[in-house]
Amino acid sequence: MSENGVHTDPAALDELTDAAEHAHSGFGSDGAVEGYRARRTLRLGVELRRQVRRRRTQLVLGFVVLLPFILVLAFEIGETSPNRRSGGFVDLATASAPNFVVLALFVSGTFLLPTIVALFFGDTIASEASWSSLKYLLAIPVPRHRLLRQKAVASGLLSVFALVLLPLVSLVAGLIFYGAGDAVSPTGDAIPFGRSLVAIGLSAVYVVIQLAWVAGLALLLSVLTDAPLGAVGGAVLAAILSQILDQITALGTLRNYLPTHYSYGWMDLIATDIDWTNMAAGALSAVVYATAFTLLAARRFATKDITS
């Protein structure tokens, strides 16, 4: 009992003193608090689960699954061409399951697919800033380069999943309603069903690579602004503007440098003799644009003053 009438346990005081003496309060060789590991912060699995639980992700994936069946319904309600082995991609859509997949990629390539990629990447950093949670993530601390990388990887995985999901669901819907058959091109070339599946797979890979420039631009805009809608909308508007300029023949060879000029290069796969020129040029263009935008995003985020 102390002079103030407060009871103290000498044994407890000894235990507290001993614990304080053995407490880890040192620093590692990299200057970080002992026990801190940057690679343990913001793990990819955690970020992926967080993104998948978001309503916008569920709505996007749900619409991707629903779109092929909407197209089937449109063909059932409307009038289809009596000669299903001639005409353009729309006329040939009901000729076989592979042709239906080609149509789904064709009608969604102008607006839907770029919007999906822009949504996932444009919402990365800007959404955290709009929620005022970005500064808390960095205070954990999550290194800036790791934060940007983990969010970009998660967005990339979700984008690839959505872009691959569309042709897969379209193929299933096509098999159910139109059956397996040759893939017929507007030029009259007919590709066997087995080979057409390979062409569909390569087309999906090309679409993923070609839209990398949208991902890089949306990521850059997400770093530059605190408004997710502005980042997403800016990337989508850039894609639309590029498509409009690509229609102006007066620009001549300048159109070759537009990021969307080779967006439909995958159509060359639906042919007996494949010309890889457009696909190679489109892949190279997309990679160059994506790399430039991503490096700019990383540089800007590394020096950005985080206030929210």
C-alpha atoms as a PDB file:
ATOM      1  CA  MET A   1       0.000   0.000   0.000  1.00  0.00           C
ATOM      2  CA  SER A   2       1.455   3.348  -1.053  1.00  0.00           C
ATOM      3  CA  GLU A   3       1.247   6.551   0.915  1.00  0.00           C
ATOM      4  CA  ASN A   4      -1.756   7.676  -1.218  1.00  0.00           C
ATOM      5  CA  GLY A   5      -3.684   4.535  -0.383  1.00  0.00           C
ATOM      6  CA  VAL A   6      -3.233   2.941  -3.806  1.00  0.00           C
ATOM      7  CA  HIS A   7      -2.363  -0.747  -3.745  1.00  0.00           C
ATOM      8  CA  THR A   8       0.558  -1.780  -5.972  1.00  0.00           C
ATOM      9  CA  ASP A   9       1.651  -5.296  -6.780  1.00  0.00           C
ATOM     10  CA  PRO A  10       5.467  -5.460  -6.826  1.00  0.00           C
ATOM     11  CA  ALA A  11       5.388  -8.610  -8.986  1.00  0.00           C
ATOM     12  CA  ALA A  12       3.177  -6.914 -11.581  1.00  0.00           C
ATOM     13  CA  LEU A  13       5.445  -3.889 -11.664  1.00  0.00           C
ATOM     14  CA  ASP A  14       8.433  -6.156 -12.250  1.00  0.00           C
ATOM     15  CA  GLU A  15       6.629  -7.870 -15.151  1.00  0.00           C
ATOM     16  CA  LEU A  16       5.733  -4.543 -16.782  1.00  0.00           C
ATOM     17  CA  THR A  17       9.292  -3.311 -16.410  1.00  0.00           C
ATOM     18  CA  ASP A  18      10.676  -6.496 -17.942  1.00  0.00           C
ATOM     19  CA  ALA A  19       8.210  -6.289 -20.859  1.00  0.00           C
ATOM     20  CA  ALA A  20       9.161  -2.689 -21.539  1.00  0.00           C
ATOM     21  CA  GLU A  21      12.845  -3.579 -21.578  1.00  0.00           C
ATOM     22  CA  HIS A  22      12.275  -6.341 -24.142  1.00  0.00           C
ATOM     23  CA  ALA A  23       9.900  -4.328 -26.367  1.00  0.00           C
ATOM     24  CA  HIS A  24      11.020  -4.080 -30.017  1.00  0.00           C
ATOM     25  CA  SER A  25      11.520  -0.431 -30.836  1.00  0.00           C
ATOM     26  CA  GLY A  26      14.446  -0.681 -33.210  1.00  0.00           C
ATOM     27  CA  PHE A  27      14.735  -0.086 -36.936  1.00  0.00           C
ATOM     28  CA  GLY A  28      15.693  -2.389 -39.753  1.00  0.00           C
ATOM     29  CA  SER A  29      18.544  -1.909 -42.200  1.00  0.00           C
ATOM     30  CA  ASP A  30      16.212  -0.085 -44.606  1.00  0.00           C
ATOM     31  CA  GLY A  31      15.191   2.432 -41.937  1.00  0.00           C
ATOM     32  CA  ALA A  32      11.730   0.926 -41.420  1.00  0.00           C
ATOM     33  CA  VAL A  33      10.355  -0.023 -38.037  1.00  0.00           C
ATOM     34  CA  GLU A  34      11.512  -3.493 -37.069  1.00  0.00           C
ATOM     35  CA  GLY A  35       8.972  -6.083 -38.215  1.00  0.00           C
ATOM     36  CA  TYR A  36       7.522  -3.940 -41.005  1.00  0.00           C
ATOM     37  CA  ARG A  37       7.438  -5.560 -44.455  1.00  0.00           C
ATOM     38  CA  ALA A  38       6.238  -3.502 -47.402  1.00  0.00           C
ATOM     39  CA  ARG A  39       5.333  -6.634 -49.374  1.00  0.00           C
ATOM     40  CA  ARG A  40       2.786  -7.552 -46.727  1.00  0.00           C
ATOM     41  CA  THR A  41       0.789  -4.363 -47.235  1.00  0.00           C
ATOM     42  CA  LEU A  42      -2.204  -4.197 -49.581  1.00  0.00           C
ATOM     43  CA  ARG A  43      -1.976  -7.791 -50.752  1.00  0.00           C
ATOM     44  CA  LEU A  44      -3.353  -8.538 -54.190  1.00  0.00           C
ATOM     45  CA  GLY A  45      -5.902 -11.059 -52.927  1.00  0.00           C
ATOM     46  CA  VAL A  46      -7.333  -8.528 -50.496  1.00  0.00           C
ATOM     47  CA  GLU A  47      -7.597  -5.833 -53.168  1.00  0.00           C
ATOM     48  CA  LEU A  48      -9.199  -8.240 -55.638  1.00  0.00           C
ATOM     49  CA  ARG A  49     -11.828  -9.382 -53.150  1.00  0.00           C
ATOM     50  CA  ARG A  50     -12.545  -5.759 -52.305  1.00  0.00           C
ATOM     51  CA  GLN A  51     -13.013  -4.848 -55.963  1.00  0.00           C
ATOM     52  CA  VAL A  52     -15.166  -7.880 -56.730  1.00  0.00           C
ATOM     53  CA  ARG A  53     -17.530  -6.982 -53.870  1.00  0.00           C
ATOM     54  CA  ARG A  54     -18.126  -3.522 -55.344  1.00  0.00           C
ATOM     55  CA  ARG A  55     -21.468  -3.026 -57.039  1.00  0.00           C
ATOM     56  CA  ARG A  56     -19.958  -1.534 -60.203  1.00  0.00           C
ATOM     57  CA  THR A  57     -17.842  -4.656 -60.763  1.00  0.00           C
ATOM     58  CA  GLN A  58     -20.828  -6.942 -60.318  1.00  0.00           C
ATOM     59  CA  LEU A  59     -22.959  -4.831 -62.668  1.00  0.00           C
ATOM     60  CA  VAL A  60     -20.270  -4.766 -65.360  1.00  0.00           C
ATOM     61  CA  LEU A  61     -19.705  -8.526 -65.256  1.00  0.00           C
ATOM     62  CA  GLY A  62     -23.448  -9.127 -65.145  1.00  0.00           C
ATOM     63  CA  PHE A  63     -24.002  -7.013 -68.239  1.00  0.00           C
ATOM     64  CA  VAL A  64     -21.174  -8.786 -70.079  1.00  0.00           C
ATOM     65  CA  VAL A  65     -22.911 -12.110 -69.403  1.00  0.00           C
ATOM     66  CA  LEU A  66     -26.303 -10.714 -70.414  1.00  0.00           C
ATOM     67  CA  LEU A  67     -25.206  -8.985 -73.649  1.00  0.00           C
ATOM     68  CA  PRO A  68     -24.947 -12.119 -75.868  1.00  0.00           C
ATOM     69  CA  PHE A  69     -28.471 -13.164 -74.908  1.00  0.00           C
ATOM     70  CA  ILE A  70     -29.737  -9.650 -75.675  1.00  0.00           C
ATOM     71  CA  LEU A  71     -28.211  -9.996 -79.130  1.00  0.00           C
ATOM     72  CA  VAL A  72     -29.849 -13.406 -79.575  1.00  0.00           C
ATOM     73  CA  LEU A  73     -33.194 -11.916 -78.571  1.00  0.00           C
ATOM     74  CA  ALA A  74     -32.708  -9.075 -81.057  1.00  0.00           C
ATOM     75  CA  PHE A  75     -32.138 -11.566 -83.876  1.00  0.00           C
ATOM     76  CA  GLU A  76     -35.142 -13.635 -82.801  1.00  0.00           C
ATOM     77  CA  ILE A  77     -37.406 -10.596 -82.789  1.00  0.00           C
ATOM     78  CA  GLY A  78     -35.994  -9.053 -85.964  1.00  0.00           C
ATOM     79  CA  GLU A  79     -35.672 -10.473 -89.450  1.00  0.00           C
ATOM     80  CA  THR A  80     -32.548 -12.485 -90.212  1.00  0.00           C
ATOM     81  CA  SER A  81     -31.041 -12.830 -93.661  1.00  0.00           C
ATOM     82  CA  PRO A  82     -32.373 -15.883 -95.544  1.00  0.00           C
ATOM     83  CA  ASN A  83     -28.879 -16.526 -96.910  1.00  0.00           C
ATOM     84  CA  ARG A  84     -26.761 -16.946 -93.801  1.00  0.00           C
ATOM     85  CA  ARG A  85     -23.511 -17.493 -95.677  1.00  0.00           C
ATOM     86  CA  SER A  86     -23.227 -14.092 -97.352  1.00  0.00           C
ATOM     87  CA  GLY A  87     -23.242 -10.438 -96.333  1.00  0.00           C
ATOM     88  CA  GLY A  88     -21.497  -8.536 -93.574  1.00  0.00           C
ATOM     89  CA  PHE A  89     -20.754  -9.546 -89.995  1.00  0.00           C
ATOM     90  CA  VAL A  90     -24.308  -8.739 -88.879  1.00  0.00           C
ATOM     91  CA  ASP A  91     -25.859 -10.817 -91.665  1.00  0.00           C
ATOM     92  CA  LEU A  92     -23.509 -13.707 -90.896  1.00  0.00           C
ATOM     93  CA  ALA A  93     -24.032 -13.617 -87.129  1.00  0.00           C
ATOM     94  CA  THR A  94     -26.594 -16.446 -87.071  1.00  0.00           C
ATOM     95  CA  ALA A  95     -24.642 -18.716 -89.419  1.00  0.00           C
ATOM     96  CA  SER A  96     -22.784 -20.425 -86.576  1.00  0.00           C
ATOM     97  CA  ALA A  97     -21.552 -19.985 -83.022  1.00  0.00           C
ATOM     98  CA  PRO A  98     -18.134 -18.626 -84.138  1.00  0.00           C
ATOM     99  CA  ASN A  99     -19.851 -16.024 -86.314  1.00  0.00           C
ATOM    100  CA  PHE A 100     -21.993 -14.984 -83.375  1.00  0.00           C
ATOM    101  CA  VAL A 101     -18.848 -14.460 -81.274  1.00  0.00           C
ATOM    102  CA  VAL A 102     -17.388 -12.308 -84.049  1.00  0.00           C
ATOM    103  CA  LEU A 103     -20.521 -10.170 -84.017  1.00  0.00           C
ATOM    104  CA  ALA A 104     -20.419  -9.763 -80.217  1.00  0.00           C
ATOM    105  CA  LEU A 105     -16.814  -8.554 -80.374  1.00  0.00           C
ATOM    106  CA  PHE A 106     -17.590  -6.333 -83.359  1.00  0.00           C
ATOM    107  CA  VAL A 107     -20.557  -4.477 -81.825  1.00  0.00           C
ATOM    108  CA  SER A 108     -18.913  -4.078 -78.406  1.00  0.00           C
ATOM    109  CA  GLY A 109     -15.459  -3.052 -79.589  1.00  0.00           C
ATOM    110  CA  THR A 110     -16.356   0.547 -80.346  1.00  0.00           C
ATOM    111  CA  PHE A 111     -17.708   1.633 -76.972  1.00  0.00           C
ATOM    112  CA  LEU A 112     -18.430  -1.135 -74.468  1.00  0.00           C
ATOM    113  CA  LEU A 113     -15.021  -2.795 -74.204  1.00  0.00           C
ATOM    114  CA  PRO A 114     -13.037   0.479 -73.913  1.00  0.00           C
ATOM    115  CA  THR A 115     -15.538   1.646 -71.288  1.00  0.00           C
ATOM    116  CA  ILE A 116     -15.050  -1.522 -69.223  1.00  0.00           C
ATOM    117  CA  VAL A 117     -11.268  -1.113 -69.209  1.00  0.00           C
ATOM    118  CA  ALA A 118     -11.530   2.616 -68.491  1.00  0.00           C
ATOM    119  CA  LEU A 119     -13.921   1.931 -65.619  1.00  0.00           C
ATOM    120  CA  PHE A 120     -11.637  -0.518 -63.857  1.00  0.00           C
ATOM    121  CA  PHE A 121      -8.443   1.516 -64.314  1.00  0.00           C
ATOM    122  CA  GLY A 122      -9.881   5.018 -64.018  1.00  0.00           C
ATOM    123  CA  ASP A 123     -11.448   4.150 -60.690  1.00  0.00           C
ATOM    124  CA  THR A 124      -8.212   2.955 -59.052  1.00  0.00           C
ATOM    125  CA  ILE A 125      -6.573   5.937 -57.360  1.00  0.00           C
ATOM    126  CA  ALA A 126      -9.268   8.558 -57.970  1.00  0.00           C
ATOM    127  CA  SER A 127     -11.895   6.593 -56.032  1.00  0.00           C
ATOM    128  CA  GLU A 128      -9.632   6.329 -52.984  1.00  0.00           C
ATOM    129  CA  ALA A 129      -9.000  10.070 -53.174  1.00  0.00           C
ATOM    130  CA  SER A 130     -12.722  10.829 -53.475  1.00  0.00           C
ATOM    131  CA  TRP A 131     -13.425   8.674 -50.402  1.00  0.00           C
ATOM    132  CA  SER A 132     -10.579  10.458 -48.507  1.00  0.00           C
ATOM    133  CA  SER A 133      -9.014   7.047 -47.828  1.00  0.00           C
ATOM    134  CA  LEU A 134      -5.911   7.448 -49.982  1.00  0.00           C
ATOM    135  CA  LYS A 135      -3.939   9.288 -47.312  1.00  0.00           C
ATOM    136  CA  TYR A 136      -4.759   6.587 -44.775  1.00  0.00           C
ATOM    137  CA  LEU A 137      -3.540   3.837 -47.110  1.00  0.00           C
ATOM    138  CA  LEU A 138      -0.247   5.677 -47.519  1.00  0.00           C
ATOM    139  CA  ALA A 139      -0.054   6.218 -43.744  1.00  0.00           C
ATOM    140  CA  ILE A 140      -0.277   2.451 -42.989  1.00  0.00           C
ATOM    141  CA  PRO A 141       2.275   2.824 -44.654  1.00  0.00           C
ATOM    142  CA  VAL A 142       1.783   1.336 -48.128  1.00  0.00           C
ATOM    143  CA  PRO A 143       4.620   2.495 -50.411  1.00  0.00           C
ATOM    144  CA  ARG A 144       3.314   4.599 -53.269  1.00  0.00           C
ATOM    145  CA  HIS A 145       4.788   2.411 -55.992  1.00  0.00           C
ATOM    146  CA  ARG A 146       3.270  -0.681 -54.408  1.00  0.00           C
ATOM    147  CA  LEU A 147      -0.131   0.961 -53.993  1.00  0.00           C
ATOM    148  CA  LEU A 148      -0.236   1.951 -57.664  1.00  0.00           C
ATOM    149  CA  ARG A 149       1.066  -1.425 -58.831  1.00  0.00           C
ATOM    150  CA  GLN A 150      -1.312  -3.536 -56.760  1.00  0.00           C
ATOM    151  CA  LYS A 151      -4.331  -1.532 -57.830  1.00  0.00           C
ATOM    152  CA  ALA A 152      -3.240  -1.617 -61.476  1.00  0.00           C
ATOM    153  CA  VAL A 153      -2.710  -5.387 -61.358  1.00  0.00           C
ATOM    154  CA  ALA A 154      -6.118  -5.928 -59.758  1.00  0.00           C
ATOM    155  CA  SER A 155      -7.756  -3.709 -62.372  1.00  0.00           C
ATOM    156  CA  GLY A 156      -5.886  -5.532 -65.119  1.00  0.00           C
ATOM    157  CA  LEU A 157      -7.051  -8.942 -63.917  1.00  0.00           C
ATOM    158  CA  LEU A 158     -10.662  -7.787 -63.728  1.00  0.00           C
ATOM    159  CA  SER A 159     -10.424  -6.214 -67.196  1.00  0.00           C
ATOM    160  CA  VAL A 160      -8.936  -9.357 -68.736  1.00  0.00           C
ATOM    161  CA  PHE A 161     -11.609 -11.475 -67.070  1.00  0.00           C
ATOM    162  CA  ALA A 162     -14.387  -9.263 -68.476  1.00  0.00           C
ATOM    163  CA  LEU A 163     -12.835  -9.143 -71.964  1.00  0.00           C
ATOM    164  CA  VAL A 164     -12.440 -12.928 -72.070  1.00  0.00           C
ATOM    165  CA  LEU A 165     -15.832 -13.557 -70.493  1.00  0.00           C
ATOM    166  CA  LEU A 166     -17.677 -11.876 -73.382  1.00  0.00           C
ATOM    167  CA  PRO A 167     -16.482 -14.227 -76.176  1.00  0.00           C
ATOM    168  CA  LEU A 168     -16.854 -17.244 -73.887  1.00  0.00           C
ATOM    169  CA  VAL A 169     -20.475 -16.495 -73.043  1.00  0.00           C
ATOM    170  CA  SER A 170     -21.128 -15.546 -76.672  1.00  0.00           C
ATOM    171  CA  LEU A 171     -19.732 -18.893 -77.796  1.00  0.00           C
ATOM    172  CA  VAL A 172     -21.976 -20.771 -75.381  1.00  0.00           C
ATOM    173  CA  ALA A 173     -25.014 -18.765 -76.469  1.00  0.00           C
ATOM    174  CA  GLY A 174     -24.085 -19.314 -80.123  1.00  0.00           C
ATOM    175  CA  LEU A 175     -23.752 -23.065 -79.641  1.00  0.00           C
ATOM    176  CA  ILE A 176     -27.156 -23.200 -77.953  1.00  0.00           C
ATOM    177  CA  PHE A 177     -29.054 -21.169 -80.548  1.00  0.00           C
ATOM    178  CA  TYR A 178     -27.056 -21.526 -83.780  1.00  0.00           C
ATOM    179  CA  GLY A 179     -24.957 -24.659 -83.340  1.00  0.00           C
ATOM    180  CA  ALA A 180     -21.345 -25.445 -84.180  1.00  0.00           C
ATOM    181  CA  GLY A 181     -20.331 -24.685 -87.717  1.00  0.00           C
ATOM    182  CA  ASP A 182     -17.800 -23.040 -89.950  1.00  0.00           C
ATOM    183  CA  ALA A 183     -16.846 -19.431 -89.344  1.00  0.00           C
ATOM    184  CA  VAL A 184     -17.765 -17.577 -92.533  1.00  0.00           C
ATOM    185  CA  SER A 185     -16.120 -14.256 -93.367  1.00  0.00           C
ATOM    186  CA  PRO A 186     -17.680 -11.480 -95.482  1.00  0.00           C
ATOM    187  CA  THR A 187     -15.178 -12.378 -98.229  1.00  0.00           C
ATOM    188  CA  GLY A 188     -16.619 -15.884 -98.432  1.00  0.00           C
ATOM    189  CA  ASP A 189     -13.803 -17.753 -96.635  1.00  0.00           C
ATOM    190  CA  ALA A 190     -15.025 -20.613 -94.465  1.00  0.00           C
ATOM    191  CA  ILE A 191     -12.967 -21.754 -91.469  1.00  0.00           C
ATOM    192  CA  PRO A 192     -13.648 -25.133 -89.779  1.00  0.00           C
ATOM    193  CA  PHE A 193     -15.113 -25.000 -86.282  1.00  0.00           C
ATOM    194  CA  GLY A 194     -11.944 -26.241 -84.564  1.00  0.00           C
ATOM    195  CA  ARG A 195      -9.748 -23.665 -86.238  1.00  0.00           C
ATOM    196  CA  SER A 196     -12.329 -20.953 -85.583  1.00  0.00           C
ATOM    197  CA  LEU A 197     -12.015 -21.610 -81.839  1.00  0.00           C
ATOM    198  CA  VAL A 198      -8.290 -20.908 -82.101  1.00  0.00           C
ATOM    199  CA  ALA A 199      -9.068 -17.718 -84.030  1.00  0.00           C
ATOM    200  CA  ILE A 200     -11.527 -16.649 -81.319  1.00  0.00           C
ATOM    201  CA  GLY A 201      -8.910 -17.236 -78.631  1.00  0.00           C
ATOM    202  CA  LEU A 202      -6.303 -15.213 -80.524  1.00  0.00           C
ATOM    203  CA  SER A 203      -8.869 -12.480 -81.122  1.00  0.00           C
ATOM    204  CA  ALA A 204      -9.547 -12.217 -77.389  1.00  0.00           C
ATOM    205  CA  VAL A 205      -5.808 -11.989 -76.687  1.00  0.00           C
ATOM    206  CA  TYR A 206      -5.423  -9.256 -79.307  1.00  0.00           C
ATOM    207  CA  VAL A 207      -8.351  -7.261 -77.919  1.00  0.00           C
ATOM    208  CA  VAL A 208      -6.779  -7.410 -74.445  1.00  0.00           C
ATOM    209  CA  ILE A 209      -3.431  -6.163 -75.772  1.00  0.00           C
ATOM    210  CA  GLN A 210      -4.976  -3.518 -78.007  1.00  0.00           C
ATOM    211  CA  LEU A 211      -6.999  -1.999 -75.157  1.00  0.00           C
ATOM    212  CA  ALA A 212      -3.889  -1.684 -72.987  1.00  0.00           C
ATOM    213  CA  TRP A 213      -3.558   1.915 -74.147  1.00  0.00           C
ATOM    214  CA  VAL A 214      -6.982   2.693 -72.639  1.00  0.00           C
ATOM    215  CA  ALA A 215      -5.836   1.117 -69.371  1.00  0.00           C
ATOM    216  CA  GLY A 216      -2.673   3.222 -69.290  1.00  0.00           C
ATOM    217  CA  LEU A 217      -4.512   6.451 -70.081  1.00  0.00           C
ATOM    218  CA  ALA A 218      -7.259   5.780 -67.514  1.00  0.00           C
ATOM    219  CA  LEU A 219      -4.602   5.041 -64.874  1.00  0.00           C
ATOM    220  CA  LEU A 220      -2.830   8.306 -65.665  1.00  0.00           C
ATOM    221  CA  LEU A 221      -6.073  10.275 -65.435  1.00  0.00           C
ATOM    222  CA  SER A 222      -6.932   8.508 -62.179  1.00  0.00           C
ATOM    223  CA  VAL A 223      -3.660   9.795 -60.718  1.00  0.00           C
ATOM    224  CA  LEU A 224      -4.187  13.310 -62.052  1.00  0.00           C
ATOM    225  CA  THR A 225      -7.715  13.807 -60.713  1.00  0.00           C
ATOM    226  CA  ASP A 226      -9.659  13.047 -57.550  1.00  0.00           C
ATOM    227  CA  ALA A 227     -12.879  12.484 -59.530  1.00  0.00           C
ATOM    228  CA  PRO A 228     -13.340   8.864 -60.699  1.00  0.00           C
ATOM    229  CA  LEU A 229     -15.987   9.878 -63.229  1.00  0.00           C
ATOM    230  CA  GLY A 230     -13.571  12.351 -64.765  1.00  0.00           C
ATOM    231  CA  ALA A 231     -10.848   9.715 -65.164  1.00  0.00           C
ATOM    232  CA  VAL A 232     -13.197   7.127 -66.647  1.00  0.00           C
ATOM    233  CA  GLY A 233     -14.970   9.630 -68.868  1.00  0.00           C
ATOM    234  CA  GLY A 234     -11.712  11.152 -70.078  1.00  0.00           C
ATOM    235  CA  ALA A 235     -10.377   7.778 -71.245  1.00  0.00           C
ATOM    236  CA  VAL A 236     -13.658   6.892 -72.956  1.00  0.00           C
ATOM    237  CA  LEU A 237     -13.834  10.273 -74.692  1.00  0.00           C
ATOM    238  CA  ALA A 238     -10.244   9.848 -75.896  1.00  0.00           C
ATOM    239  CA  ALA A 239     -11.177   6.473 -77.411  1.00  0.00           C
ATOM    240  CA  ILE A 240     -14.243   7.949 -79.126  1.00  0.00           C
ATOM    241  CA  LEU A 241     -12.264  10.927 -80.439  1.00  0.00           C
ATOM    242  CA  SER A 242      -9.594   8.621 -81.825  1.00  0.00           C
ATOM    243  CA  GLN A 243     -12.255   6.567 -83.611  1.00  0.00           C
ATOM    244  CA  ILE A 244     -13.818   9.704 -85.099  1.00  0.00           C
ATOM    245  CA  LEU A 245     -10.466  10.987 -86.350  1.00  0.00           C
ATOM    246  CA  ASP A 246      -9.725   7.579 -87.816  1.00  0.00           C
ATOM    247  CA  GLN A 247     -12.729   7.989 -90.120  1.00  0.00           C
ATOM    248  CA  ILE A 248     -11.312  11.177 -91.642  1.00  0.00           C
ATOM    249  CA  THR A 249      -9.486   9.916 -94.716  1.00  0.00           C
ATOM    250  CA  ALA A 250      -8.000  13.363 -95.316  1.00  0.00           C
ATOM    251  CA  LEU A 251      -5.553  12.651 -92.483  1.00  0.00           C
ATOM    252  CA  GLY A 252      -3.916  10.034 -94.686  1.00  0.00           C
ATOM    253  CA  THR A 253      -1.115   8.057 -93.048  1.00  0.00           C
ATOM    254  CA  LEU A 254      -1.447  10.102 -89.852  1.00  0.00           C
ATOM    255  CA  ARG A 255      -4.351   7.824 -88.945  1.00  0.00           C
ATOM    256  CA  ASN A 256      -1.881   4.973 -88.534  1.00  0.00           C
ATOM    257  CA  TYR A 257      -0.625   6.628 -85.365  1.00  0.00           C
ATOM    258  CA  LEU A 258      -4.051   6.786 -83.728  1.00  0.00           C
ATOM    259  CA  PRO A 259      -4.388   4.234 -80.911  1.00  0.00           C
ATOM    260  CA  THR A 260      -7.682   2.909 -82.295  1.00  0.00           C
ATOM    261  CA  HIS A 261      -6.612   2.584 -85.942  1.00  0.00           C
ATOM    262  CA  TYR A 262      -5.909  -1.147 -85.587  1.00  0.00           C
ATOM    263  CA  SER A 263      -8.604  -1.919 -83.028  1.00  0.00           C
ATOM    264  CA  TYR A 264     -10.328  -4.334 -85.415  1.00  0.00           C
ATOM    265  CA  GLY A 265      -7.149  -6.002 -86.625  1.00  0.00           C
ATOM    266  CA  TRP A 266      -8.387  -9.281 -85.120  1.00  0.00           C
ATOM    267  CA  MET A 267     -10.863  -9.583 -88.011  1.00  0.00           C
ATOM    268  CA  ASP A 268      -7.982 -10.713 -90.213  1.00  0.00           C
ATOM    269  CA  LEU A 269      -8.015 -13.979 -88.262  1.00  0.00           C
ATOM    270  CA  ILE A 270     -11.333 -14.936 -89.880  1.00  0.00           C
ATOM    271  CA  ALA A 271      -9.701 -15.788 -93.185  1.00  0.00           C
ATOM    272  CA  THR A 272      -8.134 -18.762 -94.924  1.00  0.00           C
ATOM    273  CA  ASP A 273      -4.805 -16.961 -95.314  1.00  0.00           C
ATOM    274  CA  ILE A 274      -4.136 -14.768 -92.289  1.00  0.00           C
ATOM    275  CA  ASP A 275      -2.412 -11.418 -92.741  1.00  0.00           C
ATOM    276  CA  TRP A 276      -0.652 -10.582 -89.471  1.00  0.00           C
ATOM    277  CA  THR A 277       0.449  -7.075 -90.511  1.00  0.00           C
ATOM    278  CA  ASN A 278      -2.394  -5.111 -88.939  1.00  0.00           C
ATOM    279  CA  MET A 279      -2.367  -7.164 -85.748  1.00  0.00           C
ATOM    280  CA  ALA A 280       1.386  -6.731 -85.286  1.00  0.00           C
ATOM    281  CA  ALA A 281       1.132  -2.975 -85.868  1.00  0.00           C
ATOM    282  CA  GLY A 282      -1.866  -2.702 -83.529  1.00  0.00           C
ATOM    283  CA  ALA A 283      -0.165  -4.637 -80.740  1.00  0.00           C
ATOM    284  CA  LEU A 284       3.003  -2.551 -81.031  1.00  0.00           C
ATOM    285  CA  SER A 285       1.040   0.717 -81.049  1.00  0.00           C
ATOM    286  CA  ALA A 286      -0.978  -0.285 -77.991  1.00  0.00           C
ATOM    287  CA  VAL A 287       2.091  -1.373 -76.028  1.00  0.00           C
ATOM    288  CA  VAL A 288       3.933   1.865 -76.801  1.00  0.00           C
ATOM    289  CA  TYR A 289       0.981   4.026 -75.758  1.00  0.00           C
ATOM    290  CA  ALA A 290       0.295   1.928 -72.650  1.00  0.00           C
ATOM    291  CA  THR A 291       3.930   2.033 -71.543  1.00  0.00           C
ATOM    292  CA  ALA A 292       4.158   5.814 -71.980  1.00  0.00           C
ATOM    293  CA  PHE A 293       0.917   6.475 -70.086  1.00  0.00           C
ATOM    294  CA  THR A 294       1.829   4.069 -67.267  1.00  0.00           C
ATOM    295  CA  LEU A 295       5.282   5.578 -66.773  1.00  0.00           C
ATOM    296  CA  LEU A 296       3.756   9.055 -66.654  1.00  0.00           C
ATOM    297  CA  ALA A 297       1.209   7.840 -64.091  1.00  0.00           C
ATOM    298  CA  ALA A 298       3.933   6.307 -61.912  1.00  0.00           C
ATOM    299  CA  ARG A 299       6.074   9.448 -62.121  1.00  0.00           C
ATOM    300  CA  ARG A 300       3.169  11.752 -61.263  1.00  0.00           C
ATOM    301  CA  PHE A 301       1.924   9.607 -58.383  1.00  0.00           C
ATOM    302  CA  ALA A 302       5.403   9.389 -56.877  1.00  0.00           C
ATOM    303  CA  THR A 303       5.533  13.183 -56.453  1.00  0.00           C
ATOM    304  CA  LYS A 304       1.844  14.000 -56.025  1.00  0.00           C
ATOM    305  CA  ASP A 305       0.794  15.887 -52.913  1.00  0.00           C
ATOM    306  CA  ILE A 306      -1.847  13.692 -51.282  1.00  0.00           C
ATOM    307  CA  THR A 307      -4.429  15.807 -49.483  1.00  0.00           C
ATOM    308  CA  SER A 308      -7.406  13.464 -49.444  1.00  0.00           C
END
